[in-house]
C-alpha atoms as a PDB file:
ATOM      1  CA  MET A   1     138.348 145.124 106.798  1.00  0.00           C
ATOM      2  CA  ILE A   2     139.047 145.855 103.322  1.00  0.00           C
ATOM      3  CA  ASN A   3     136.056 146.420 101.205  1.00  0.00           C
ATOM      4  CA  VAL A   4     137.105 148.286  97.981  1.00  0.00           C
ATOM      5  CA  TYR A   5     137.079 147.480  94.294  1.00  0.00           C
ATOM      6  CA  ILE A   6     139.980 148.287  92.088  1.00  0.00           C
ATOM      7  CA  ASP A   7     137.841 149.574  89.109  1.00  0.00           C
ATOM      8  CA  GLU A   8     140.435 151.316  86.833  1.00  0.00           C
ATOM      9  CA  PHE A   9     144.055 152.379  87.014  1.00  0.00           C
ATOM     10  CA  THR A  10     143.955 156.183  86.950  1.00  0.00           C
ATOM     11  CA  PRO A  11     146.623 158.493  88.370  1.00  0.00           C
ATOM     12  CA  CYS A  12     143.789 160.816  89.692  1.00  0.00           C
ATOM     13  CA  LEU A  13     140.137 160.415  90.116  1.00  0.00           C
ATOM     14  CA  LYS A  14     138.007 160.285  87.092  1.00  0.00           C
ATOM     15  CA  GLU A  15     134.469 161.607  87.246  1.00  0.00           C
ATOM     16  CA  SER A  16     132.261 158.685  85.949  1.00  0.00           C
ATOM     17  CA  GLU A  17     129.592 161.051  84.526  1.00  0.00           C
ATOM     18  CA  THR A  18     132.029 163.306  82.448  1.00  0.00           C
ATOM     19  CA  GLY A  19     135.410 161.615  82.320  1.00  0.00           C
ATOM     20  CA  ASP A  20     136.915 164.610  83.948  1.00  0.00           C
ATOM     21  CA  ILE A  21     140.185 163.994  85.724  1.00  0.00           C
ATOM     22  CA  LEU A  22     140.312 165.533  89.308  1.00  0.00           C
ATOM     23  CA  GLU A  23     143.352 165.889  91.413  1.00  0.00           C
ATOM     24  CA  THR A  24     143.436 164.610  95.058  1.00  0.00           C
ATOM     25  CA  GLU A  25     145.028 165.126  98.349  1.00  0.00           C
ATOM     26  CA  VAL A  26     145.355 163.138 101.545  1.00  0.00           C
ATOM     27  CA  ILE A  27     144.228 164.591 104.894  1.00  0.00           C
ATOM     28  CA  ARG A  28     144.882 162.890 108.080  1.00  0.00           C
ATOM     29  CA  ILE A  29     141.833 162.875 110.559  1.00  0.00           C
ATOM     30  CA  LYS A  30     142.291 162.855 114.307  1.00  0.00           C
ATOM     31  CA  ARG A  31     139.008 164.271 115.646  1.00  0.00           C
ATOM     32  CA  LYS A  32     136.411 161.734 116.799  1.00  0.00           C
ATOM     33  CA  SER A  33     133.904 164.581 116.436  1.00  0.00           C
ATOM     34  CA  PHE A  34     134.520 164.792 112.714  1.00  0.00           C
ATOM     35  CA  LEU A  35     134.542 161.035 112.173  1.00  0.00           C
ATOM     36  CA  SER A  36     131.349 160.625 113.958  1.00  0.00           C
ATOM     37  CA  LYS A  37     129.295 161.084 110.768  1.00  0.00           C
ATOM     38  CA  PHE A  38     131.099 158.306 109.166  1.00  0.00           C
ATOM     39  CA  ASN A  39     129.385 155.279 110.406  1.00  0.00           C
ATOM     40  CA  LYS A  40     127.234 152.080 109.527  1.00  0.00           C
ATOM     41  CA  LYS A  41     123.936 154.107 109.330  1.00  0.00           C
ATOM     42  CA  THR A  42     125.404 156.653 106.688  1.00  0.00           C
ATOM     43  CA  GLY A  43     126.918 153.838 104.608  1.00  0.00           C
ATOM     44  CA  TRP A  44     130.679 153.698 105.868  1.00  0.00           C
ATOM     45  CA  TYR A  45     130.388 150.116 107.181  1.00  0.00           C
ATOM     46  CA  VAL A  46     131.889 150.890 110.640  1.00  0.00           C
ATOM     47  CA  ASN A  47     131.811 153.701 113.150  1.00  0.00           C
ATOM     48  CA  TRP A  48     135.009 155.404 112.006  1.00  0.00           C
ATOM     49  CA  SER A  49     135.361 157.568 115.336  1.00  0.00           C
ATOM     50  CA  LYS A  50     135.957 154.324 117.239  1.00  0.00           C
ATOM     51  CA  LEU A  51     139.002 153.674 115.126  1.00  0.00           C
ATOM     52  CA  VAL A  52     140.983 156.812 115.722  1.00  0.00           C
ATOM     53  CA  ASP A  53     142.478 155.787 119.180  1.00  0.00           C
ATOM     54  CA  GLU A  54     144.465 152.875 117.777  1.00  0.00           C
ATOM     55  CA  ASN A  55     144.893 153.708 114.064  1.00  0.00           C
ATOM     56  CA  GLU A  56     145.953 156.603 111.900  1.00  0.00           C
ATOM     57  CA  ILE A  57     143.031 157.545 109.677  1.00  0.00           C
ATOM     58  CA  TYR A  58     143.468 159.213 106.385  1.00  0.00           C
ATOM     59  CA  ALA A  59     140.939 160.639 103.999  1.00  0.00           C
ATOM     60  CA  LEU A  60     141.144 160.853 100.128  1.00  0.00           C
ATOM     61  CA  VAL A  61     139.655 164.152  98.982  1.00  0.00           C
ATOM     62  CA  ILE A  62     139.425 166.175  95.876  1.00  0.00           C
ATOM     63  CA  LYS A  63     142.205 168.728  95.927  1.00  0.00           C
ATOM     64  CA  GLY A  64     141.361 171.962  97.781  1.00  0.00           C
ATOM     65  CA  THR A  65     138.230 170.563  99.395  1.00  0.00           C
ATOM     66  CA  VAL A  66     137.253 168.101 102.256  1.00  0.00           C
ATOM     67  CA  ASP A  67     134.961 166.083  99.967  1.00  0.00           C
ATOM     68  CA  ILE A  68     135.965 162.875 101.310  1.00  0.00           C
ATOM     69  CA  GLN A  69     135.979 160.062  98.596  1.00  0.00           C
ATOM     70  CA  GLY A  70     137.432 157.266 100.830  1.00  0.00           C
ATOM     71  CA  LEU A  71     138.769 156.403 104.105  1.00  0.00           C
ATOM     72  CA  VAL A  72     141.655 154.213 105.340  1.00  0.00           C
ATOM     73  CA  ALA A  73     142.639 153.248 108.893  1.00  0.00           C
ATOM     74  CA  LEU A  74     146.093 152.124 109.338  1.00  0.00           C
ATOM     75  CA  GLN A  75     148.656 150.913 111.939  1.00  0.00           C
ATOM     76  CA  GLY A  76     152.302 149.888 111.778  1.00  0.00           C
ATOM     77  CA  VAL A  77     152.990 146.375 113.033  1.00  0.00           C
ATOM     78  CA  LYS A  78     156.438 145.295 113.676  1.00  0.00           C
ATOM     79  CA  ASP A  79     155.627 141.717 113.941  1.00  0.00           C
ATOM     80  CA  TYR A  80     154.089 141.664 110.516  1.00  0.00           C
ATOM     81  CA  GLY A  81     156.838 143.939 109.043  1.00  0.00           C
ATOM     82  CA  ALA A  82     154.083 145.820 107.476  1.00  0.00           C
ATOM     83  CA  VAL A  83     151.304 148.303 107.796  1.00  0.00           C
ATOM     84  CA  TYR A  84     148.006 146.620 108.677  1.00  0.00           C
ATOM     85  CA  VAL A  85     144.984 148.075 107.071  1.00  0.00           C
ATOM     86  CA  THR A  86     142.164 148.016 109.713  1.00  0.00           C
ATOM     87  CA  TRP A  87     139.632 149.375 107.584  1.00  0.00           C
ATOM     88  CA  MET A  88     139.385 150.772 103.995  1.00  0.00           C
ATOM     89  CA  CYS A  89     136.195 151.775 102.279  1.00  0.00           C
ATOM     90  CA  THR A  90     135.088 154.175  99.418  1.00  0.00           C
ATOM     91  CA  ALA A  91     132.314 156.846 100.297  1.00  0.00           C
ATOM     92  CA  PRO A  92     128.888 155.470  99.666  1.00  0.00           C
ATOM     93  CA  HIS A  93     128.652 157.504  96.442  1.00  0.00           C
ATOM     94  CA  ASN A  94     131.644 155.650  95.095  1.00  0.00           C
ATOM     95  CA  ASN A  95     130.531 152.121  96.293  1.00  0.00           C
ATOM     96  CA  PRO A  96     129.241 149.846  93.647  1.00  0.00           C
ATOM     97  CA  MET A  97     127.514 147.759  96.521  1.00  0.00           C
ATOM     98  CA  ILE A  98     125.389 150.708  97.397  1.00  0.00           C
ATOM     99  CA  VAL A  99     124.954 152.908  94.006  1.00  0.00           C
ATOM    100  CA  GLU A 100     124.221 151.882  90.879  1.00  0.00           C
ATOM    101  CA  LYS A 101     126.583 154.371  89.170  1.00  0.00           C
ATOM    102  CA  LYS A 102     129.803 155.585  91.251  1.00  0.00           C
ATOM    103  CA  LYS A 103     130.503 159.241  91.218  1.00  0.00           C
ATOM    104  CA  TYR A 104     134.372 158.792  90.874  1.00  0.00           C
ATOM    105  CA  ILE A 105     136.499 156.075  89.514  1.00  0.00           C
ATOM    106  CA  GLY A 106     139.894 155.168  91.036  1.00  0.00           C
ATOM    107  CA  VAL A 107     139.232 155.518  94.750  1.00  0.00           C
ATOM    108  CA  GLY A 108     140.120 152.062  95.749  1.00  0.00           C
ATOM    109  CA  GLY A 109     143.525 152.036  94.212  1.00  0.00           C
ATOM    110  CA  HIS A 110     144.336 155.439  95.697  1.00  0.00           C
ATOM    111  CA  LEU A 111     143.542 154.081  99.200  1.00  0.00           C
ATOM    112  CA  PHE A 112     145.911 151.370  98.697  1.00  0.00           C
ATOM    113  CA  ALA A 113     148.423 153.759  97.482  1.00  0.00           C
ATOM    114  CA  ILE A 114     148.047 155.718 100.604  1.00  0.00           C
ATOM    115  CA  ALA A 115     148.645 152.539 102.658  1.00  0.00           C
ATOM    116  CA  VAL A 116     151.761 151.705 100.753  1.00  0.00           C
ATOM    117  CA  ASP A 117     153.124 155.369 101.168  1.00  0.00           C
ATOM    118  CA  ARG A 118     152.532 155.185 104.947  1.00  0.00           C
ATOM    119  CA  SER A 119     154.380 151.730 105.080  1.00  0.00           C
ATOM    120  CA  GLU A 120     157.292 153.131 103.438  1.00  0.00           C
ATOM    121  CA  GLN A 121     157.242 156.178 105.797  1.00  0.00           C
ATOM    122  CA  MET A 122     157.050 153.831 108.884  1.00  0.00           C
ATOM    123  CA  GLY A 123     160.185 151.785 107.526  1.00  0.00           C
ATOM    124  CA  TYR A 124     158.268 148.781 106.119  1.00  0.00           C
ATOM    125  CA  GLU A 125     159.374 149.180 102.498  1.00  0.00           C
ATOM    126  CA  GLY A 126     155.607 149.451 101.267  1.00  0.00           C
ATOM    127  CA  ALA A 127     154.523 146.126 102.548  1.00  0.00           C
ATOM    128  CA  VAL A 128     150.825 146.213 103.435  1.00  0.00           C
ATOM    129  CA  THR A 129     148.484 143.409 104.892  1.00  0.00           C
ATOM    130  CA  GLY A 130     144.876 143.332 105.897  1.00  0.00           C
ATOM    131  CA  ASN A 131     141.729 141.289 105.722  1.00  0.00           C
ATOM    132  CA  ALA A 132     139.577 141.522 102.650  1.00  0.00           C
ATOM    133  CA  ALA A 133     135.854 141.645 103.201  1.00  0.00           C
ATOM    134  CA  ASP A 134     135.333 138.316 101.438  1.00  0.00           C
ATOM    135  CA  LYS A 135     136.820 135.493  99.082  1.00  0.00           C
ATOM    136  CA  GLU A 136     135.911 137.383  96.055  1.00  0.00           C
ATOM    137  CA  LEU A 137     137.883 140.346  96.980  1.00  0.00           C
ATOM    138  CA  VAL A 138     140.710 138.238  97.836  1.00  0.00           C
ATOM    139  CA  TYR A 139     141.058 137.095  94.504  1.00  0.00           C
ATOM    140  CA  HIS A 140     140.478 140.552  93.177  1.00  0.00           C
ATOM    141  CA  TYR A 141     143.367 141.944  95.075  1.00  0.00           C
ATOM    142  CA  CYS A 142     145.609 139.068  94.088  1.00  0.00           C
ATOM    143  CA  GLU A 143     144.686 139.604  90.315  1.00  0.00           C
ATOM    144  CA  GLU A 144     144.835 143.389  90.373  1.00  0.00           C
ATOM    145  CA  PHE A 145     147.784 144.039  92.760  1.00  0.00           C
ATOM    146  CA  GLY A 146     149.703 140.559  92.893  1.00  0.00           C
ATOM    147  CA  ALA A 147     148.549 140.302  96.557  1.00  0.00           C
ATOM    148  CA  ILE A 148     149.377 137.054  98.294  1.00  0.00           C
ATOM    149  CA  HIS A 149     146.479 135.343 100.165  1.00  0.00           C
ATOM    150  CA  LEU A 150     147.779 134.543 103.461  1.00  0.00           C
ATOM    151  CA  GLY A 151     144.842 133.306 105.347  1.00  0.00           C
ATOM    152  CA  LEU A 152     146.850 132.886 108.484  1.00  0.00           C
ATOM    153  CA  ILE A 153     145.296 135.149 111.093  1.00  0.00           C
ATOM    154  CA  HIS A 154     141.951 135.703 109.100  1.00  0.00           C
ATOM    155  CA  PRO A 155     140.659 133.616 106.420  1.00  0.00           C
ATOM    156  CA  TYR A 156     140.722 136.561 103.970  1.00  0.00           C
ATOM    157  CA  GLN A 157     144.167 138.011 104.994  1.00  0.00           C
ATOM    158  CA  ILE A 158     146.225 139.240 102.183  1.00  0.00           C
ATOM    159  CA  PHE A 159     149.736 140.690 101.916  1.00  0.00           C
ATOM    160  CA  ILE A 160     151.307 142.912  99.180  1.00  0.00           C
ATOM    161  CA  ASP A 161     155.007 142.727  99.237  1.00  0.00           C
ATOM    162  CA  GLU A 162     157.321 145.532  98.439  1.00  0.00           C
ATOM    163  CA  GLU A 163     157.760 144.847  94.855  1.00  0.00           C
ATOM    164  CA  ASN A 164     154.076 144.849  94.101  1.00  0.00           C
ATOM    165  CA  ALA A 165     153.753 148.011  96.486  1.00  0.00           C
ATOM    166  CA  THR A 166     156.102 149.873  94.415  1.00  0.00           C
ATOM    167  CA  LYS A 167     153.893 149.025  91.400  1.00  0.00           C
ATOM    168  CA  ILE A 168     150.906 150.505  93.089  1.00  0.00           C
ATOM    169  CA  LYS A 169     152.617 153.653  94.103  1.00  0.00           C
ATOM    170  CA  GLU A 170     153.955 154.308  90.642  1.00  0.00           C
ATOM    171  CA  VAL A 171     150.215 154.338  89.211  1.00  0.00           C
ATOM    172  CA  TYR A 172     148.425 156.674  91.765  1.00  0.00           C
ATOM    173  CA  ASP A 173     149.060 160.370  92.168  1.00  0.00           C
ATOM    174  CA  TYR A 174     147.863 162.545  95.180  1.00  0.00           C
ATOM    175  CA  GLU A 175     149.440 165.073  97.497  1.00  0.00           C
ATOM    176  CA  TRP A 176     149.947 164.703 101.187  1.00  0.00           C
ATOM    177  CA  THR A 177     148.612 167.876 103.055  1.00  0.00           C
ATOM    178  CA  ASP A 178     149.610 169.125 106.437  1.00  0.00           C
ATOM    179  CA  ASP A 179     146.085 169.605 107.151  1.00  0.00           C
ATOM    180  CA  GLU A 180     144.328 167.736 109.954  1.00  0.00           C
ATOM    181  CA  LEU A 181     140.770 167.493 110.768  1.00  0.00           C
END
């Protein structure tokens, strides 16, 4: 389920209070014990530790920290010719559905860029698919990213083709780390 809003196209995260720009990194998370604190009760929509067996899970963090701003669970699916986003959400303090004012701007777009990057690394040329949380988000992704509303397997299924994936990746800037949690 994809449950993020694209609030602003910003290469790095922007602190909403000050406007300061902060560099980001991507960390792969493999440990269920680490992911156990990211669950429905703590505002993360799903128990992330249950996703680690069948997905690659990546965290967007402020550079030099493990201060997680968003999580994305991905898997390459040959039949789709794309990376499938199993789950994508921002940290509760960045989620406009939970807080009145987000701490950081740009998290949702960064998470999509991570999915595009992994798609390229897996040989799918940046193609990404997944299911938006609702119809409003389907339209939002179509407008912001040029996503296509497929609605085949799920009524809110979207697809981002290679051309639009390239445009996403050109906007967002982050570093991949070799660190794993």
